[in-house]
N, C-alpha and C. Protein backbone atom coordinates (compact mmCIF):
# COMPACT_ATOMS: atom_id res chain seq x y z
N MET A 1 18.36 -6.42 -10.80
CA MET A 1 18.89 -5.44 -10.08
C MET A 1 18.20 -5.21 -8.79
N ARG A 2 18.91 -5.30 -7.51
CA ARG A 2 18.42 -5.05 -6.21
C ARG A 2 18.34 -3.74 -5.81
N MET A 3 17.42 -3.48 -4.70
CA MET A 3 17.17 -2.30 -4.25
C MET A 3 18.57 -1.63 -3.70
N ARG A 4 18.58 -0.32 -3.64
CA ARG A 4 19.99 0.22 -3.21
C ARG A 4 20.10 0.34 -1.64
N ASP A 5 19.05 0.55 -1.06
CA ASP A 5 19.04 0.67 0.39
C ASP A 5 18.81 -0.58 1.01
N GLU A 6 19.33 -0.93 2.00
CA GLU A 6 19.34 -2.27 2.71
C GLU A 6 17.74 -2.45 3.07
N ASP A 7 17.09 -1.52 3.60
CA ASP A 7 15.63 -1.72 4.14
C ASP A 7 14.82 -2.26 2.90
N GLY A 8 15.02 -1.63 1.68
CA GLY A 8 14.33 -1.83 0.60
C GLY A 8 14.53 -3.40 0.20
N HIS A 9 15.74 -3.56 0.26
CA HIS A 9 16.13 -5.00 -0.28
C HIS A 9 15.69 -5.98 0.56
N GLU A 10 15.63 -5.73 2.05
CA GLU A 10 14.97 -6.70 3.01
C GLU A 10 13.50 -6.94 2.77
N ALA A 11 12.92 -5.73 2.45
CA ALA A 11 11.49 -5.61 2.14
C ALA A 11 11.22 -6.48 0.81
N GLY A 12 12.05 -6.32 -0.05
CA GLY A 12 11.79 -7.15 -1.36
C GLY A 12 11.85 -8.59 -1.08
N LEU A 13 12.96 -8.92 -0.41
CA LEU A 13 12.97 -10.46 0.00
C LEU A 13 11.69 -10.96 0.67
N ARG A 14 11.14 -10.10 1.68
CA ARG A 14 10.08 -10.70 2.46
C ARG A 14 8.77 -10.73 1.39
N ALA A 15 8.71 -9.74 0.51
CA ALA A 15 7.62 -9.53 -0.15
C ALA A 15 7.59 -10.78 -1.40
N GLY A 16 8.81 -11.21 -1.74
CA GLY A 16 9.00 -12.37 -2.45
C GLY A 16 8.54 -13.78 -1.77
N LYS A 17 8.92 -13.73 -0.64
CA LYS A 17 8.50 -14.88 0.20
C LYS A 17 7.02 -14.97 0.53
N ALA A 18 6.34 -13.72 0.65
CA ALA A 18 4.98 -13.56 0.72
C ALA A 18 4.05 -14.28 -0.56
N TRP A 19 4.79 -13.55 -1.81
CA TRP A 19 4.01 -14.10 -2.89
C TRP A 19 4.24 -15.60 -3.05
N ASP A 20 5.20 -16.16 -2.64
CA ASP A 20 5.39 -17.68 -2.73
C ASP A 20 4.35 -18.29 -1.79
N ARG A 21 3.94 -17.71 -0.62
CA ARG A 21 3.02 -18.28 0.05
C ARG A 21 1.54 -18.12 -0.43
N ILE A 22 1.43 -17.09 -1.08
CA ILE A 22 0.18 -16.79 -1.73
C ILE A 22 -0.23 -17.93 -2.88
N LYS A 23 1.14 -18.12 -3.54
CA LYS A 23 0.83 -19.12 -4.65
C LYS A 23 0.77 -20.55 -4.32
N SER A 24 1.13 -20.83 -2.96
CA SER A 24 1.05 -22.19 -2.47
C SER A 24 -0.14 -22.34 -1.83
N GLY A 25 -1.17 -21.40 -1.76
CA GLY A 25 -2.33 -21.38 -1.05
C GLY A 25 -2.35 -21.17 0.54
N ASN A 26 -1.51 -20.51 1.04
CA ASN A 26 -1.18 -20.23 2.53
C ASN A 26 -2.57 -19.33 2.74
N ARG A 27 -3.01 -19.16 3.89
CA ARG A 27 -4.24 -18.47 4.28
C ARG A 27 -3.92 -17.06 4.76
N ARG A 28 -2.51 -16.83 4.91
CA ARG A 28 -2.31 -15.41 5.30
C ARG A 28 -2.39 -14.34 4.18
N THR A 29 -3.17 -14.46 3.26
CA THR A 29 -3.15 -13.93 2.07
C THR A 29 -3.19 -12.41 2.15
N TRP A 30 -4.46 -11.83 2.82
CA TRP A 30 -4.59 -10.56 2.88
C TRP A 30 -3.49 -9.65 3.61
N LEU A 31 -2.88 -10.23 4.61
CA LEU A 31 -1.75 -9.75 5.39
C LEU A 31 -0.60 -9.85 4.42
N ASP A 32 -0.39 -10.72 3.70
CA ASP A 32 0.77 -10.86 2.79
C ASP A 32 0.78 -9.80 1.91
N TRP A 33 -0.67 -9.61 1.35
CA TRP A 33 -0.78 -8.58 0.23
C TRP A 33 -0.58 -7.21 0.85
N THR A 34 -1.08 -6.74 1.90
CA THR A 34 -0.98 -5.54 2.40
C THR A 34 0.07 -5.23 3.47
N MET A 35 0.59 -6.08 3.97
CA MET A 35 1.90 -5.85 5.00
C MET A 35 3.06 -6.08 4.16
N GLU A 36 3.21 -6.96 3.22
CA GLU A 36 4.57 -7.33 2.65
C GLU A 36 4.75 -6.72 1.26
N ILE A 37 3.82 -7.23 0.55
CA ILE A 37 3.98 -7.07 -1.10
C ILE A 37 3.52 -5.67 -1.51
N GLY A 38 2.42 -5.27 -0.83
CA GLY A 38 2.02 -3.75 -1.10
C GLY A 38 3.10 -2.75 -0.80
N PRO A 39 3.41 -2.69 0.55
CA PRO A 39 4.46 -1.81 1.00
C PRO A 39 5.74 -1.82 0.14
N TRP A 40 6.32 -3.14 -0.28
CA TRP A 40 7.49 -3.11 -0.97
C TRP A 40 7.22 -2.44 -2.47
N LEU A 41 6.09 -2.81 -2.90
CA LEU A 41 5.65 -2.14 -4.34
C LEU A 41 5.79 -0.68 -4.16
N VAL A 42 5.27 -0.16 -3.24
CA VAL A 42 5.50 1.27 -2.97
C VAL A 42 6.88 1.84 -3.10
N LYS A 43 7.62 1.12 -2.25
CA LYS A 43 9.08 1.52 -2.14
C LYS A 43 9.68 1.33 -3.65
N ALA A 44 9.61 0.17 -4.30
CA ALA A 44 9.89 -0.03 -5.43
C ALA A 44 9.59 1.02 -6.53
N ARG A 45 8.32 1.52 -6.37
CA ARG A 45 8.01 2.49 -7.25
C ARG A 45 8.78 3.73 -7.22
N VAL A 46 8.78 4.09 -5.96
CA VAL A 46 9.56 5.24 -5.59
C VAL A 46 10.90 5.19 -6.25
N GLU A 47 11.64 4.04 -5.88
CA GLU A 47 13.22 3.89 -6.30
C GLU A 47 13.19 3.79 -7.67
N ALA A 48 12.34 3.17 -8.46
CA ALA A 48 12.15 3.10 -9.90
C ALA A 48 12.13 4.60 -10.42
N MET A 49 11.29 5.57 -9.87
CA MET A 49 11.10 6.89 -10.48
C MET A 49 12.35 7.53 -10.30
N LEU A 50 13.22 7.35 -8.98
CA LEU A 50 14.38 8.13 -8.82
C LEU A 50 15.41 7.70 -9.79
N LEU A 51 15.60 6.37 -10.04
CA LEU A 51 16.49 6.00 -10.91
C LEU A 51 16.37 6.26 -12.48
N ALA A 52 14.89 6.43 -12.71
CA ALA A 52 14.43 6.90 -14.17
C ALA A 52 14.50 8.42 -14.09
N LYS A 53 14.67 9.06 -13.07
CA LYS A 53 14.71 10.44 -13.17
C LYS A 53 13.26 11.00 -13.75
N THR A 54 12.33 10.62 -13.07
CA THR A 54 10.99 11.00 -13.37
C THR A 54 10.11 11.30 -12.19
N ASN A 55 9.09 12.00 -12.21
CA ASN A 55 8.05 12.17 -11.17
C ASN A 55 6.69 11.47 -11.30
N ARG A 56 6.70 10.58 -12.25
CA ARG A 56 5.70 9.97 -12.52
C ARG A 56 5.85 8.45 -12.86
N PRO A 57 5.09 7.51 -12.24
CA PRO A 57 5.31 6.08 -12.56
C PRO A 57 4.95 5.56 -13.91
N ILE A 58 5.48 6.41 -15.02
CA ILE A 58 5.25 5.90 -16.38
C ILE A 58 6.39 6.08 -17.36
N GLY A 59 6.57 5.46 -18.48
CA GLY A 59 7.52 5.75 -19.30
C GLY A 59 8.37 4.47 -19.32
N LYS A 60 9.33 4.55 -20.40
CA LYS A 60 10.00 3.21 -20.77
C LYS A 60 11.14 3.09 -19.63
N ARG A 61 11.70 4.05 -19.34
CA ARG A 61 12.97 3.86 -18.20
C ARG A 61 12.38 3.49 -16.87
N TYR A 62 11.21 4.16 -16.54
CA TYR A 62 10.69 3.73 -15.30
C TYR A 62 10.15 2.28 -15.26
N THR A 63 9.41 2.04 -16.43
CA THR A 63 9.16 0.65 -16.70
C THR A 63 10.10 -0.51 -16.46
N ALA A 64 11.31 -0.21 -17.09
CA ALA A 64 12.31 -0.96 -17.34
C ALA A 64 12.99 -1.33 -15.91
N LYS A 65 13.26 -0.07 -14.93
CA LYS A 65 13.59 -0.26 -13.71
C LYS A 65 12.72 -0.91 -12.75
N MET A 66 11.41 -0.76 -12.91
CA MET A 66 10.49 -1.50 -12.02
C MET A 66 10.44 -3.01 -12.44
N SER A 67 10.56 -3.25 -13.66
CA SER A 67 10.49 -4.72 -14.21
C SER A 67 11.87 -5.43 -13.56
N GLU A 68 13.01 -4.76 -13.73
CA GLU A 68 14.29 -5.16 -12.98
C GLU A 68 13.91 -5.57 -11.46
N PHE A 69 13.34 -4.81 -10.82
CA PHE A 69 13.17 -5.07 -9.34
C PHE A 69 12.24 -6.12 -9.12
N LEU A 70 11.30 -6.08 -9.96
CA LEU A 70 10.09 -7.45 -9.72
C LEU A 70 10.77 -8.64 -10.04
N LYS A 71 11.61 -8.72 -11.03
CA LYS A 71 12.27 -9.99 -11.44
C LYS A 71 13.27 -10.35 -10.47
N THR A 72 14.08 -9.49 -9.88
CA THR A 72 14.96 -9.81 -8.99
C THR A 72 14.42 -10.27 -7.66
N TYR A 73 13.32 -9.75 -7.16
CA TYR A 73 12.67 -10.44 -6.12
C TYR A 73 11.35 -11.45 -6.17
N GLY A 74 11.39 -11.94 -7.42
CA GLY A 74 10.51 -13.02 -7.73
C GLY A 74 8.98 -12.67 -7.82
N LEU A 75 8.88 -11.32 -8.10
CA LEU A 75 7.30 -10.80 -8.08
C LEU A 75 6.93 -10.36 -9.58
N ASP A 76 7.81 -10.82 -10.53
CA ASP A 76 7.52 -10.52 -11.89
C ASP A 76 6.40 -11.16 -12.57
N ASP A 77 5.73 -12.34 -11.79
CA ASP A 77 4.57 -13.22 -12.38
C ASP A 77 3.42 -12.69 -11.76
N ILE A 78 3.32 -11.65 -11.04
CA ILE A 78 2.18 -11.22 -10.64
C ILE A 78 1.53 -10.20 -11.53
N ASP A 79 0.36 -10.53 -11.84
CA ASP A 79 -0.48 -9.97 -12.84
C ASP A 79 -0.32 -8.59 -12.89
N GLN A 80 -0.37 -7.80 -13.81
CA GLN A 80 -0.25 -6.28 -13.97
C GLN A 80 -1.35 -5.59 -13.24
N THR A 81 -2.32 -6.13 -13.59
CA THR A 81 -3.71 -5.66 -13.12
C THR A 81 -3.89 -5.83 -11.59
N THR A 82 -3.37 -6.97 -11.11
CA THR A 82 -3.45 -7.02 -9.49
C THR A 82 -2.37 -6.18 -9.04
N ARG A 83 -1.34 -5.86 -9.66
CA ARG A 83 -0.31 -5.07 -8.99
C ARG A 83 -0.89 -3.42 -9.01
N ALA A 84 -1.51 -3.14 -10.01
CA ALA A 84 -2.23 -1.74 -10.17
C ALA A 84 -3.16 -1.70 -9.11
N HIS A 85 -4.00 -2.62 -8.88
CA HIS A 85 -5.11 -2.68 -7.91
C HIS A 85 -4.60 -2.61 -6.49
N LEU A 86 -3.54 -3.43 -6.48
CA LEU A 86 -2.85 -3.38 -4.97
C LEU A 86 -2.18 -2.01 -4.74
N LEU A 87 -1.65 -1.22 -5.56
CA LEU A 87 -1.03 0.17 -5.41
C LEU A 87 -2.15 0.98 -5.14
N LYS A 88 -3.34 0.85 -5.67
CA LYS A 88 -4.51 1.74 -5.33
C LYS A 88 -4.88 1.40 -4.14
N ILE A 89 -5.00 0.23 -3.60
CA ILE A 89 -5.46 -0.31 -2.18
C ILE A 89 -4.45 0.38 -1.19
N MET A 90 -3.16 0.50 -1.59
CA MET A 90 -1.97 1.10 -0.57
C MET A 90 -2.29 2.41 -0.31
N GLU A 91 -2.74 3.20 -1.41
CA GLU A 91 -2.98 4.69 -1.35
C GLU A 91 -4.17 4.91 -0.34
N ALA A 92 -5.21 3.92 -0.48
CA ALA A 92 -6.36 3.97 0.34
C ALA A 92 -6.50 3.05 1.41
N LEU A 93 -5.41 2.68 1.90
CA LEU A 93 -5.44 1.56 2.78
C LEU A 93 -6.42 1.65 4.02
N PRO A 94 -6.40 2.74 4.78
CA PRO A 94 -7.26 2.76 6.02
C PRO A 94 -8.58 2.77 5.60
N GLU A 95 -8.96 3.41 4.51
CA GLU A 95 -10.38 3.32 4.13
C GLU A 95 -10.99 1.96 3.55
N VAL A 96 -10.16 1.24 3.02
CA VAL A 96 -10.30 -0.08 2.54
C VAL A 96 -10.37 -1.05 3.72
N GLU A 97 -9.64 -0.88 4.63
CA GLU A 97 -9.58 -1.62 5.76
C GLU A 97 -10.83 -1.35 6.51
N VAL A 98 -11.28 -0.34 6.80
CA VAL A 98 -12.48 0.11 7.60
C VAL A 98 -13.74 -0.62 6.72
N TRP A 99 -13.77 -0.37 5.62
CA TRP A 99 -14.77 -1.18 4.86
C TRP A 99 -14.75 -2.58 4.85
N ARG A 100 -13.59 -2.98 4.62
CA ARG A 100 -13.40 -4.60 4.76
C ARG A 100 -13.81 -5.16 5.97
N LYS A 101 -13.61 -4.55 7.11
CA LYS A 101 -13.94 -5.13 8.36
C LYS A 101 -15.44 -5.07 8.55
N GLN A 102 -16.21 -4.20 7.87
CA GLN A 102 -17.69 -4.11 7.90
C GLN A 102 -18.26 -5.11 7.21
N GLU A 103 -17.50 -5.91 6.46
CA GLU A 103 -18.19 -6.96 5.43
C GLU A 103 -18.12 -8.30 6.16
N LYS A 104 -18.97 -9.24 5.84
CA LYS A 104 -18.88 -10.68 6.46
C LYS A 104 -18.09 -11.54 5.65
N CYS A 105 -17.72 -12.55 6.26
CA CYS A 105 -16.64 -13.53 5.65
C CYS A 105 -15.58 -13.09 5.03
N LEU A 106 -14.50 -12.64 5.72
CA LEU A 106 -13.33 -11.84 5.24
C LEU A 106 -12.53 -12.68 4.26
N GLU A 107 -12.45 -14.14 4.73
CA GLU A 107 -11.88 -14.90 3.92
C GLU A 107 -12.14 -14.81 2.49
N ASP A 108 -13.31 -14.19 2.10
CA ASP A 108 -13.44 -14.13 0.71
C ASP A 108 -13.10 -12.85 0.09
N LEU A 109 -12.51 -11.94 0.75
CA LEU A 109 -11.99 -10.51 0.47
C LEU A 109 -10.40 -10.67 0.69
N ASN A 110 -9.70 -11.25 -0.13
CA ASN A 110 -8.25 -11.45 -0.10
C ASN A 110 -7.60 -10.99 -1.33
N SER A 111 -8.30 -11.13 -2.59
CA SER A 111 -7.69 -10.86 -3.93
C SER A 111 -7.55 -9.27 -3.99
N PRO A 112 -6.46 -8.63 -4.27
CA PRO A 112 -6.37 -7.08 -4.40
C PRO A 112 -7.49 -6.54 -5.62
N SER A 113 -7.60 -7.30 -6.58
CA SER A 113 -8.47 -6.90 -7.72
C SER A 113 -9.95 -7.02 -7.22
N TRP A 114 -10.50 -8.00 -6.66
CA TRP A 114 -11.66 -8.30 -6.25
C TRP A 114 -11.92 -7.40 -5.02
N VAL A 115 -11.10 -7.07 -3.92
CA VAL A 115 -11.31 -6.32 -2.99
C VAL A 115 -11.51 -4.74 -3.63
N TRP A 116 -10.55 -4.40 -4.35
CA TRP A 116 -10.75 -3.11 -4.88
C TRP A 116 -11.87 -2.84 -5.74
N ARG A 117 -12.31 -3.77 -6.45
CA ARG A 117 -13.71 -3.56 -7.18
C ARG A 117 -14.84 -3.54 -6.35
N LYS A 118 -14.90 -4.45 -5.29
CA LYS A 118 -16.10 -4.30 -4.44
C LYS A 118 -15.95 -3.13 -3.62
N PHE A 119 -14.90 -2.62 -3.12
CA PHE A 119 -14.68 -1.27 -2.52
C PHE A 119 -15.35 -0.22 -3.24
N GLN A 120 -14.92 -0.10 -4.48
CA GLN A 120 -15.07 0.93 -5.43
C GLN A 120 -16.93 0.77 -5.66
N LEU A 121 -17.49 -0.38 -5.91
CA LEU A 121 -18.80 -0.51 -5.95
C LEU A 121 -19.68 -0.06 -4.89
N THR A 122 -19.00 -0.32 -3.55
CA THR A 122 -19.70 0.08 -2.39
C THR A 122 -19.83 1.61 -2.29
N ASN A 123 -18.74 2.18 -2.68
CA ASN A 123 -18.55 3.71 -2.70
C ASN A 123 -19.54 4.49 -3.60
N LYS A 124 -19.65 3.70 -4.96
CA LYS A 124 -20.47 4.26 -5.77
C LYS A 124 -21.97 4.02 -5.28
N ARG A 125 -22.20 2.94 -4.59
CA ARG A 125 -23.71 2.78 -4.16
C ARG A 125 -24.16 3.67 -3.02
N GLN A 126 -23.08 3.89 -2.14
CA GLN A 126 -23.32 5.03 -1.10
C GLN A 126 -23.58 6.50 -1.73
N GLY A 127 -22.88 6.69 -2.80
CA GLY A 127 -22.82 8.04 -3.56
C GLY A 127 -24.29 8.15 -4.09
N ARG A 128 -24.91 6.90 -4.80
CA ARG A 128 -26.11 6.92 -5.25
C ARG A 128 -27.32 7.17 -4.23
N ALA A 129 -27.00 6.65 -3.00
CA ALA A 129 -27.93 6.83 -1.96
C ALA A 129 -28.14 8.10 -1.50
N GLY A 130 -27.45 9.05 -2.00
CA GLY A 130 -27.61 10.43 -1.69
C GLY A 130 -27.10 10.73 -0.15
N GLY A 131 -26.42 9.99 0.46
CA GLY A 131 -25.90 10.33 1.87
C GLY A 131 -27.03 9.63 2.83
N GLU A 132 -27.42 8.64 2.33
CA GLU A 132 -28.48 7.97 3.40
C GLU A 132 -27.62 7.17 4.53
N ARG A 133 -26.30 6.77 4.13
CA ARG A 133 -25.65 6.14 5.03
C ARG A 133 -24.40 7.08 5.41
N LYS A 134 -23.90 6.96 6.72
CA LYS A 134 -22.95 7.85 7.01
C LYS A 134 -21.69 7.39 6.61
N PRO A 135 -20.98 8.32 6.24
CA PRO A 135 -19.63 8.13 5.40
C PRO A 135 -18.59 7.57 6.43
N THR A 136 -17.89 6.72 5.89
CA THR A 136 -16.94 5.93 6.80
C THR A 136 -15.86 6.86 7.43
N ARG A 137 -15.72 6.74 8.79
CA ARG A 137 -14.75 7.52 9.56
C ARG A 137 -13.62 7.08 9.30
N VAL A 138 -12.77 8.03 8.92
CA VAL A 138 -11.29 7.78 8.36
C VAL A 138 -10.28 7.94 9.93
N PRO A 139 -9.62 6.90 9.99
CA PRO A 139 -8.99 7.00 11.28
C PRO A 139 -7.53 7.58 11.15
N LEU A 140 -6.86 7.54 12.22
CA LEU A 140 -5.55 8.50 12.21
C LEU A 140 -4.67 8.04 11.04
N SER A 141 -4.57 6.61 10.82
CA SER A 141 -3.73 6.13 9.70
C SER A 141 -4.05 6.83 8.42
N GLY A 142 -5.44 6.95 8.25
CA GLY A 142 -5.81 7.63 6.90
C GLY A 142 -5.34 9.03 6.82
N ARG A 143 -5.50 9.79 7.75
CA ARG A 143 -4.91 11.25 7.77
C ARG A 143 -3.37 11.14 7.56
N LEU A 144 -2.53 10.22 8.20
CA LEU A 144 -1.20 10.23 8.01
C LEU A 144 -0.86 9.83 6.47
N ASN A 145 -1.74 9.08 6.04
CA ASN A 145 -1.44 8.53 4.62
C ASN A 145 -1.63 9.64 3.62
N ARG A 146 -2.65 10.37 3.78
CA ARG A 146 -2.85 11.72 2.76
C ARG A 146 -1.75 12.53 3.17
N HIS A 147 -1.36 12.88 4.47
CA HIS A 147 -0.22 13.73 4.40
C HIS A 147 1.08 13.36 3.73
N PHE A 148 1.19 11.99 3.83
CA PHE A 148 2.48 11.46 3.11
C PHE A 148 2.46 11.52 1.74
N ASN A 149 0.98 11.38 1.01
CA ASN A 149 1.08 11.44 -0.33
C ASN A 149 1.14 13.02 -0.74
N ASP A 150 0.70 14.11 0.18
CA ASP A 150 0.76 15.31 -0.34
C ASP A 150 2.31 15.77 -0.24
N ALA A 151 2.93 15.11 0.78
CA ALA A 151 4.33 15.57 1.03
C ALA A 151 5.17 15.02 -0.28
N TRP A 152 4.71 13.85 -0.51
CA TRP A 152 5.53 13.18 -1.82
C TRP A 152 5.27 14.10 -2.88
N SER A 153 4.03 14.44 -3.38
CA SER A 153 3.64 15.19 -4.52
C SER A 153 4.43 16.64 -4.48
N LEU A 154 4.61 17.28 -3.36
CA LEU A 154 5.18 18.45 -3.10
C LEU A 154 6.69 18.39 -3.60
N MET A 155 7.36 17.22 -2.93
CA MET A 155 8.64 17.10 -3.32
C MET A 155 9.11 16.82 -4.67
N GLN A 156 7.92 16.02 -5.36
CA GLN A 156 8.28 15.84 -6.92
C GLN A 156 8.12 17.06 -7.56
N GLU A 157 7.19 18.05 -7.22
CA GLU A 157 7.03 19.22 -7.89
C GLU A 157 8.29 20.07 -7.82
N MET A 158 9.00 19.80 -6.65
CA MET A 158 10.39 20.64 -6.60
C MET A 158 11.40 20.17 -7.50
N ASP A 159 11.14 18.90 -8.02
CA ASP A 159 12.22 18.38 -8.51
C ASP A 159 12.65 18.83 -9.95
N ASN A 160 13.99 19.27 -10.17
CA ASN A 160 14.37 19.62 -11.28
C ASN A 160 15.79 18.88 -11.51
N TRP A 161 15.76 17.78 -12.08
CA TRP A 161 16.78 16.99 -12.27
C TRP A 161 17.87 17.70 -13.04
N PRO A 162 17.64 18.25 -14.18
CA PRO A 162 18.81 18.73 -14.97
C PRO A 162 19.79 19.55 -14.31
N GLU A 163 19.36 20.30 -13.35
CA GLU A 163 20.11 21.29 -12.54
C GLU A 163 20.82 21.00 -11.40
N LEU A 164 20.63 19.57 -11.16
CA LEU A 164 21.27 19.07 -9.82
C LEU A 164 22.62 18.53 -10.22
N SER A 165 23.67 18.68 -9.43
CA SER A 165 24.98 18.05 -9.69
C SER A 165 24.81 16.51 -9.16
N LYS A 166 25.71 15.69 -9.41
CA LYS A 166 25.77 14.25 -9.12
C LYS A 166 25.59 14.20 -7.54
N THR A 167 26.56 15.17 -6.86
CA THR A 167 26.62 14.96 -5.49
C THR A 167 25.22 15.50 -4.92
N ALA A 168 24.58 16.51 -5.45
CA ALA A 168 23.20 17.12 -5.02
C ALA A 168 22.24 15.90 -5.25
N GLN A 169 22.34 15.20 -6.37
CA GLN A 169 21.34 14.13 -6.78
C GLN A 169 21.62 12.97 -5.76
N LYS A 170 22.61 12.64 -5.27
CA LYS A 170 22.75 11.56 -4.51
C LYS A 170 22.19 11.85 -3.03
N ARG A 171 22.56 13.14 -2.70
CA ARG A 171 22.06 13.70 -1.43
C ARG A 171 20.50 13.66 -1.41
N ARG A 172 19.77 13.88 -2.45
CA ARG A 172 18.50 14.00 -2.59
C ARG A 172 17.96 12.61 -2.40
N GLU A 173 18.61 11.72 -3.05
CA GLU A 173 18.08 10.26 -3.04
C GLU A 173 18.16 9.76 -1.60
N SER A 174 19.18 9.90 -0.88
CA SER A 174 19.37 9.62 0.35
C SER A 174 18.30 10.24 1.25
N LEU A 175 17.94 11.41 1.24
CA LEU A 175 16.93 12.11 2.06
C LEU A 175 15.62 11.39 1.39
N MET A 176 15.40 11.30 0.38
CA MET A 176 14.02 10.63 0.02
C MET A 176 13.88 9.28 0.52
N ARG A 177 15.05 8.43 0.69
CA ARG A 177 14.88 7.01 1.25
C ARG A 177 14.60 7.24 2.79
N THR A 178 15.20 8.19 3.34
CA THR A 178 15.18 8.55 4.85
C THR A 178 13.70 8.94 5.05
N PHE A 179 13.30 9.78 4.21
CA PHE A 179 11.83 10.17 4.22
C PHE A 179 10.65 9.05 4.20
N MET A 180 11.12 8.08 3.18
CA MET A 180 10.39 6.87 3.12
C MET A 180 10.32 6.13 4.35
N ILE A 181 11.43 5.93 4.94
CA ILE A 181 11.39 5.09 6.17
C ILE A 181 10.65 5.80 7.24
N VAL A 182 10.92 7.10 7.54
CA VAL A 182 10.15 7.80 8.45
C VAL A 182 8.54 7.46 8.30
N CYS A 183 8.18 7.83 7.15
CA CYS A 183 6.82 7.47 6.85
C CYS A 183 6.15 6.27 6.99
N ASP A 184 6.89 5.31 6.75
CA ASP A 184 6.69 3.90 7.03
C ASP A 184 6.45 3.42 8.46
N GLY A 185 7.35 4.22 9.29
CA GLY A 185 7.19 4.16 10.57
C GLY A 185 6.05 4.71 11.28
N LEU A 186 5.52 5.67 10.58
CA LEU A 186 4.39 6.50 11.15
C LEU A 186 3.17 5.60 10.70
N ARG A 187 3.23 5.13 9.39
CA ARG A 187 2.26 4.21 8.99
C ARG A 187 1.98 2.85 9.87
N ALA A 188 3.19 2.36 10.22
CA ALA A 188 3.15 1.19 11.05
C ALA A 188 2.48 1.36 12.50
N LEU A 189 2.85 2.67 13.09
CA LEU A 189 2.25 3.12 14.32
C LEU A 189 0.75 3.38 14.10
N ALA A 190 0.36 3.94 13.14
CA ALA A 190 -1.28 4.33 12.76
C ALA A 190 -1.80 2.86 12.57
N GLN A 191 -1.34 1.89 11.83
CA GLN A 191 -1.96 0.63 11.71
C GLN A 191 -2.13 0.05 13.06
N GLU A 192 -1.24 0.07 14.06
CA GLU A 192 -1.25 -0.59 15.00
C GLU A 192 -2.38 0.04 16.07
N ASP A 193 -2.47 1.23 15.96
CA ASP A 193 -3.42 2.03 16.72
C ASP A 193 -4.68 1.60 16.08
N ARG A 194 -4.90 1.51 14.82
CA ARG A 194 -6.16 1.09 14.32
C ARG A 194 -6.61 -0.26 14.50
N ARG A 195 -5.65 -1.11 14.78
CA ARG A 195 -6.07 -2.68 15.06
C ARG A 195 -6.45 -2.75 16.44
N ARG A 196 -6.03 -1.82 17.56
CA ARG A 196 -6.39 -2.05 18.72
C ARG A 196 -7.78 -1.92 19.04
N PRO A 197 -8.53 -2.77 19.53
CA PRO A 197 -9.90 -2.71 19.82
C PRO A 197 -10.41 -1.64 20.82
N SER A 198 -11.51 -1.12 20.51
CA SER A 198 -12.07 -0.09 21.44
C SER A 198 -12.34 -0.72 22.98
N ARG A 199 -12.15 -0.03 23.83
CA ARG A 199 -12.45 -0.46 25.29
C ARG A 199 -13.87 -0.70 25.58
N SER A 200 -14.87 0.12 24.94
CA SER A 200 -16.14 0.00 25.09
C SER A 200 -16.74 -0.93 23.98
N GLY A 201 -17.99 -1.55 24.34
CA GLY A 201 -18.72 -2.51 23.17
C GLY A 201 -18.72 -3.73 23.67
N ALA A 202 -19.31 -4.84 22.82
CA ALA A 202 -19.84 -5.98 23.10
C ALA A 202 -19.38 -6.89 22.07
N LEU A 203 -19.07 -8.01 22.24
CA LEU A 203 -18.90 -8.98 21.26
C LEU A 203 -20.23 -9.40 20.45
N ARG A 204 -20.14 -9.70 19.25
CA ARG A 204 -21.21 -10.30 18.50
C ARG A 204 -20.72 -11.07 17.54
N ASP A 205 -21.55 -11.97 16.98
CA ASP A 205 -21.09 -13.05 16.07
C ASP A 205 -21.37 -12.31 14.58
N ASP A 206 -20.35 -12.20 13.78
CA ASP A 206 -20.26 -11.60 12.42
C ASP A 206 -20.92 -12.50 11.46
N GLY A 207 -21.48 -13.46 11.66
CA GLY A 207 -22.30 -14.31 10.36
C GLY A 207 -21.40 -15.18 9.75
N CYS A 208 -20.07 -15.18 10.08
CA CYS A 208 -19.22 -16.18 9.38
C CYS A 208 -18.57 -17.02 10.74
N GLY A 209 -19.17 -17.12 11.71
CA GLY A 209 -18.71 -18.14 12.95
C GLY A 209 -17.63 -17.33 13.56
N ARG A 210 -17.43 -16.11 13.59
CA ARG A 210 -16.53 -15.32 14.56
C ARG A 210 -17.18 -14.46 15.20
N GLU A 211 -16.49 -13.95 16.46
CA GLU A 211 -17.03 -12.98 17.15
C GLU A 211 -16.22 -11.71 16.90
N THR A 212 -17.01 -10.61 16.78
CA THR A 212 -16.32 -9.24 16.55
C THR A 212 -16.73 -8.29 17.67
N LEU A 213 -16.06 -7.23 17.70
CA LEU A 213 -16.41 -6.14 18.75
C LEU A 213 -17.29 -5.20 18.10
N GLN A 214 -18.50 -5.10 18.87
CA GLN A 214 -19.60 -4.38 18.53
C GLN A 214 -19.75 -3.01 19.37
N THR A 215 -19.47 -1.87 18.64
CA THR A 215 -19.13 -0.48 19.44
C THR A 215 -20.69 0.25 19.37
């Protein structure tokens, strides 16, 4: 079963190609996970919940719809744990990206499960340090991501499927897809802003043979 909206369908095709690149050993791994597969998984999860008429990504109907999407776009052989960790990364992507860029040898931080576990471990260590290290500054994209999640939660709380007519249900689904497209656009702008280097600072070696901007 393909995604109903064309943007979701095209994103699914790109995600499938990204997964093929990862399996073939291509070096674009992190970007493929976070710019292609992860965003599509978020879209597919929303679509599966809409089709299953549920406000939580659980249950037989949701699982069946999500499985159909994964199979259609050739992503059904991604390990379930890896998918779960990738979705967690997408929910906290700005914070994860800030943390990841502070680590050395980024080529070792590509697997979603490995990145998520190390990210969590770092947060726990900082917590035990009792505030000795300054908390990671959350950029604009992080705030946008939180607002998106809050808005999505509110819309789900207002959901009352049994009282909706078929026409109203279709209208709501259309609005939800438009809402997702707008949010994706905001996230893309925020990511572009985050990737733009600061005008001040000097280049230094990061210990892995590359130069990074020191602010």
